[in-house]
Every structure is written in structure tokens, then in C-alpha cells.
């Protein structure tokens, strides 16, 4: 699929594991960033979630489109954002 997907997550997040499994099964490539290991990622997640460290926070940048940040999106929402 065109574009990029970046998932901000933690090792203990069940919602993150579920979405990663779904993306893997669909063959959608993504970059995963563990916010507990990357302090700069915490700032992005907090900015996107009214100061909360809510994961998964996913940034989708479709090729030629506008970047979208989503909190705990479904697989369908990620796919839709990739095609926007």
C-alpha cells in the first residue's frame, strides 16, 4: 500500500498487539515506536491525546495525501487513511 504507517505503542498494550497482528495479516508495513523507550515519542502521543499517553496512537501518511493521527484505530480506519 502506498504511504507510511507509524504506530506508537508499549510492550504491555493489548490493543497494540491486536492492531499489529491485523496489520501483519493484511501485509501492511508499519514502523513501531515504543514510547517507553523513546522520550520524544511521548510528546507526540501526549499532543495527539490531550496530554494522555494513549496507545496505540497511529500516524498514517498516505502517498500524496494529508497525514492523519488516530488513537486506537481499527484496521479499516488505517486502510481508509492510507487510501485518502
N, C-alpha and C. Protein backbone atom coordinates (compact mmCIF):
# COMPACT_ATOMS: atom_id res chain seq x y z
N UNK A 1 0.83 -1.18 0.00
CA UNK A 1 0.00 0.00 0.00
C UNK A 1 0.88 1.25 0.00
N UNK A 2 0.43 2.27 -0.68
CA UNK A 2 1.22 3.50 -0.70
C UNK A 2 1.12 4.23 0.63
N UNK A 3 2.18 4.96 0.96
CA UNK A 3 2.17 5.72 2.19
C UNK A 3 2.88 5.00 3.32
N UNK A 4 2.87 5.63 4.49
CA UNK A 4 3.54 5.05 5.64
C UNK A 4 2.61 5.01 6.84
N UNK A 5 2.86 4.04 7.70
CA UNK A 5 2.12 3.89 8.95
C UNK A 5 3.14 3.82 10.07
N UNK A 6 2.96 4.66 11.09
CA UNK A 6 3.81 4.63 12.27
C UNK A 6 2.91 4.40 13.47
N UNK A 7 3.23 3.37 14.25
CA UNK A 7 2.44 3.04 15.43
C UNK A 7 3.26 3.32 16.68
N UNK A 8 2.72 4.16 17.54
CA UNK A 8 3.32 4.44 18.84
C UNK A 8 2.65 3.51 19.84
N UNK A 9 3.46 2.72 20.55
CA UNK A 9 2.90 1.66 21.38
C UNK A 9 3.73 1.45 22.63
N UNK A 10 3.34 0.42 23.39
CA UNK A 10 4.12 -0.08 24.52
C UNK A 10 4.12 -1.61 24.42
N UNK A 11 5.01 -2.24 25.16
CA UNK A 11 5.09 -3.70 25.11
C UNK A 11 3.90 -4.36 25.78
N UNK A 12 3.27 -3.68 26.72
CA UNK A 12 2.19 -4.28 27.51
C UNK A 12 0.79 -4.00 26.97
N UNK A 13 0.67 -3.27 25.89
CA UNK A 13 -0.63 -2.83 25.38
C UNK A 13 -1.28 -3.91 24.51
N UNK A 14 -2.40 -4.44 24.99
CA UNK A 14 -3.14 -5.46 24.25
C UNK A 14 -3.74 -4.93 22.96
N UNK A 15 -4.21 -3.69 22.97
CA UNK A 15 -4.77 -3.09 21.75
C UNK A 15 -3.69 -2.93 20.69
N UNK A 16 -2.47 -2.63 21.12
CA UNK A 16 -1.34 -2.50 20.20
C UNK A 16 -1.04 -3.86 19.56
N UNK A 17 -0.98 -4.91 20.39
CA UNK A 17 -0.71 -6.25 19.87
C UNK A 17 -1.77 -6.67 18.86
N UNK A 18 -3.03 -6.38 19.17
CA UNK A 18 -4.12 -6.75 18.26
C UNK A 18 -3.96 -6.04 16.91
N UNK A 19 -3.74 -4.73 16.94
CA UNK A 19 -3.62 -3.98 15.69
C UNK A 19 -2.38 -4.42 14.90
N UNK A 20 -1.26 -4.68 15.59
CA UNK A 20 -0.06 -5.15 14.90
C UNK A 20 -0.34 -6.47 14.19
N UNK A 21 -1.03 -7.38 14.86
CA UNK A 21 -1.38 -8.67 14.24
C UNK A 21 -2.25 -8.49 13.01
N UNK A 22 -3.22 -7.58 13.09
CA UNK A 22 -4.10 -7.33 11.96
C UNK A 22 -3.33 -6.71 10.80
N UNK A 23 -2.46 -5.76 11.09
CA UNK A 23 -1.65 -5.15 10.03
C UNK A 23 -0.73 -6.19 9.39
N UNK A 24 -0.13 -7.04 10.21
CA UNK A 24 0.74 -8.10 9.69
C UNK A 24 -0.03 -9.03 8.76
N UNK A 25 -1.23 -9.46 9.17
CA UNK A 25 -2.03 -10.37 8.35
C UNK A 25 -2.44 -9.73 7.02
N UNK A 26 -2.64 -8.43 7.03
CA UNK A 26 -3.05 -7.71 5.81
C UNK A 26 -1.84 -7.31 4.95
N UNK A 27 -0.63 -7.53 5.47
CA UNK A 27 0.57 -7.16 4.71
C UNK A 27 0.83 -5.66 4.68
N UNK A 28 0.32 -4.95 5.67
CA UNK A 28 0.53 -3.50 5.74
C UNK A 28 1.77 -3.24 6.58
N UNK A 29 2.77 -2.68 5.95
CA UNK A 29 4.03 -2.38 6.65
C UNK A 29 3.83 -1.19 7.59
N UNK A 30 4.53 -1.23 8.72
CA UNK A 30 4.45 -0.14 9.68
C UNK A 30 5.75 -0.06 10.46
N UNK A 31 5.99 1.10 11.00
CA UNK A 31 7.11 1.31 11.90
C UNK A 31 6.53 1.41 13.30
N UNK A 32 7.10 0.66 14.22
CA UNK A 32 6.62 0.69 15.60
C UNK A 32 7.61 1.45 16.47
N UNK A 33 7.10 2.35 17.30
CA UNK A 33 7.92 3.11 18.22
C UNK A 33 7.37 2.90 19.63
N UNK A 34 8.20 2.34 20.50
CA UNK A 34 7.82 2.10 21.90
C UNK A 34 8.02 3.39 22.67
N UNK A 35 6.92 3.98 23.14
CA UNK A 35 7.03 5.28 23.81
C UNK A 35 7.76 5.20 25.14
N UNK A 36 7.88 4.01 25.69
CA UNK A 36 8.63 3.87 26.94
C UNK A 36 10.13 3.87 26.71
N UNK A 37 10.54 3.70 25.46
CA UNK A 37 11.96 3.69 25.10
C UNK A 37 12.38 4.97 24.38
N UNK A 38 11.42 5.76 23.92
CA UNK A 38 11.71 6.95 23.12
C UNK A 38 10.98 8.17 23.70
N UNK A 39 11.67 8.95 24.54
CA UNK A 39 11.03 10.10 25.19
C UNK A 39 10.42 11.11 24.21
N UNK A 40 11.01 11.28 23.04
CA UNK A 40 10.45 12.23 22.08
C UNK A 40 9.10 11.75 21.55
N UNK A 41 8.90 10.44 21.53
CA UNK A 41 7.64 9.88 21.07
C UNK A 41 6.52 10.16 22.07
N UNK A 42 6.86 10.22 23.35
CA UNK A 42 5.86 10.51 24.38
C UNK A 42 5.21 11.86 24.11
N UNK A 43 6.00 12.85 23.74
CA UNK A 43 5.47 14.19 23.47
C UNK A 43 4.47 14.16 22.32
N UNK A 44 4.76 13.40 21.27
CA UNK A 44 3.85 13.31 20.14
C UNK A 44 2.54 12.66 20.57
N UNK A 45 2.63 11.58 21.32
CA UNK A 45 1.42 10.86 21.77
C UNK A 45 0.59 11.75 22.69
N UNK A 46 1.23 12.42 23.61
CA UNK A 46 0.50 13.30 24.52
C UNK A 46 -0.15 14.46 23.76
N UNK A 47 0.53 15.01 22.78
CA UNK A 47 -0.04 16.11 21.99
C UNK A 47 -1.27 15.66 21.22
N UNK A 48 -1.25 14.43 20.75
CA UNK A 48 -2.36 13.90 19.96
C UNK A 48 -3.54 13.48 20.83
N UNK A 49 -3.32 13.30 22.13
CA UNK A 49 -4.34 12.73 23.01
C UNK A 49 -4.62 13.58 24.24
N UNK A 50 -4.65 14.88 24.06
CA UNK A 50 -4.99 15.81 25.15
C UNK A 50 -4.17 15.58 26.42
N UNK A 51 -2.87 15.32 26.24
CA UNK A 51 -1.98 15.14 27.37
C UNK A 51 -1.89 13.72 27.90
N UNK A 52 -2.66 12.80 27.32
CA UNK A 52 -2.65 11.41 27.77
C UNK A 52 -1.69 10.57 26.94
N UNK A 53 -1.16 9.54 27.56
CA UNK A 53 -0.26 8.61 26.87
C UNK A 53 -1.05 7.41 26.37
N UNK A 54 -1.98 7.66 25.48
CA UNK A 54 -2.87 6.63 24.97
C UNK A 54 -2.24 5.94 23.77
N UNK A 55 -2.16 4.63 23.84
CA UNK A 55 -1.63 3.84 22.73
C UNK A 55 -2.63 2.73 22.38
N UNK A 56 -2.66 2.28 21.15
CA UNK A 56 -1.82 2.75 20.07
C UNK A 56 -2.27 4.09 19.53
N UNK A 57 -1.31 4.95 19.29
CA UNK A 57 -1.52 6.16 18.51
C UNK A 57 -0.83 5.89 17.19
N UNK A 58 -1.58 6.07 16.11
CA UNK A 58 -1.09 5.71 14.78
C UNK A 58 -1.09 6.94 13.89
N UNK A 59 0.03 7.14 13.21
CA UNK A 59 0.15 8.23 12.25
C UNK A 59 0.23 7.60 10.86
N UNK A 60 -0.73 7.96 10.01
CA UNK A 60 -0.78 7.45 8.65
C UNK A 60 -0.50 8.61 7.70
N UNK A 61 0.47 8.41 6.83
CA UNK A 61 0.82 9.42 5.83
C UNK A 61 0.64 8.79 4.45
N UNK A 62 -0.54 8.98 3.84
CA UNK A 62 -0.77 8.41 2.52
C UNK A 62 0.09 9.12 1.49
N UNK A 63 0.52 8.37 0.51
CA UNK A 63 1.34 8.95 -0.55
C UNK A 63 0.55 10.05 -1.25
N UNK A 64 1.08 11.27 -1.21
CA UNK A 64 0.41 12.39 -1.86
C UNK A 64 -0.79 12.94 -1.10
N UNK A 65 -1.04 12.42 0.12
CA UNK A 65 -2.20 12.86 0.89
C UNK A 65 -1.80 13.58 2.16
N UNK A 66 -2.77 13.83 3.00
CA UNK A 66 -2.57 14.53 4.25
C UNK A 66 -2.38 13.54 5.40
N UNK A 67 -1.36 13.76 6.20
CA UNK A 67 -1.07 12.91 7.35
C UNK A 67 -2.23 12.95 8.35
N UNK A 68 -2.57 11.77 8.89
CA UNK A 68 -3.66 11.63 9.84
C UNK A 68 -3.14 10.94 11.09
N UNK A 69 -3.51 11.46 12.26
CA UNK A 69 -3.15 10.83 13.53
C UNK A 69 -4.42 10.27 14.15
N UNK A 70 -4.39 8.98 14.54
CA UNK A 70 -5.56 8.31 15.09
C UNK A 70 -5.19 7.62 16.40
N UNK A 71 -6.14 7.56 17.31
CA UNK A 71 -5.96 6.87 18.58
C UNK A 71 -6.76 5.58 18.56
N UNK A 72 -6.07 4.47 18.80
CA UNK A 72 -6.68 3.13 18.84
C UNK A 72 -7.61 2.90 17.64
N UNK A 73 -7.07 3.08 16.42
CA UNK A 73 -7.92 2.90 15.25
C UNK A 73 -8.17 1.43 14.94
N UNK A 74 -9.22 1.18 14.19
CA UNK A 74 -9.47 -0.17 13.68
C UNK A 74 -8.61 -0.38 12.44
N UNK A 75 -8.49 -1.62 12.02
CA UNK A 75 -7.78 -1.92 10.79
C UNK A 75 -8.44 -1.19 9.62
N UNK A 76 -9.76 -1.16 9.59
CA UNK A 76 -10.48 -0.49 8.50
C UNK A 76 -10.14 1.00 8.45
N UNK A 77 -10.01 1.63 9.62
CA UNK A 77 -9.68 3.06 9.65
C UNK A 77 -8.27 3.31 9.12
N UNK A 78 -7.33 2.43 9.45
CA UNK A 78 -5.96 2.57 8.95
C UNK A 78 -5.95 2.41 7.43
N UNK A 79 -6.65 1.41 6.94
CA UNK A 79 -6.71 1.18 5.50
C UNK A 79 -7.34 2.36 4.78
N UNK A 80 -8.40 2.90 5.34
CA UNK A 80 -9.06 4.05 4.73
C UNK A 80 -8.13 5.26 4.69
N UNK A 81 -7.41 5.50 5.78
CA UNK A 81 -6.48 6.64 5.84
C UNK A 81 -5.35 6.47 4.82
N UNK A 82 -4.90 5.25 4.58
CA UNK A 82 -3.85 5.01 3.59
C UNK A 82 -4.30 5.36 2.19
N UNK A 83 -5.58 5.22 1.94
CA UNK A 83 -6.11 5.49 0.60
C UNK A 83 -6.67 6.90 0.45
N UNK A 84 -6.55 7.73 1.48
CA UNK A 84 -7.12 9.08 1.43
C UNK A 84 -6.31 9.98 0.53
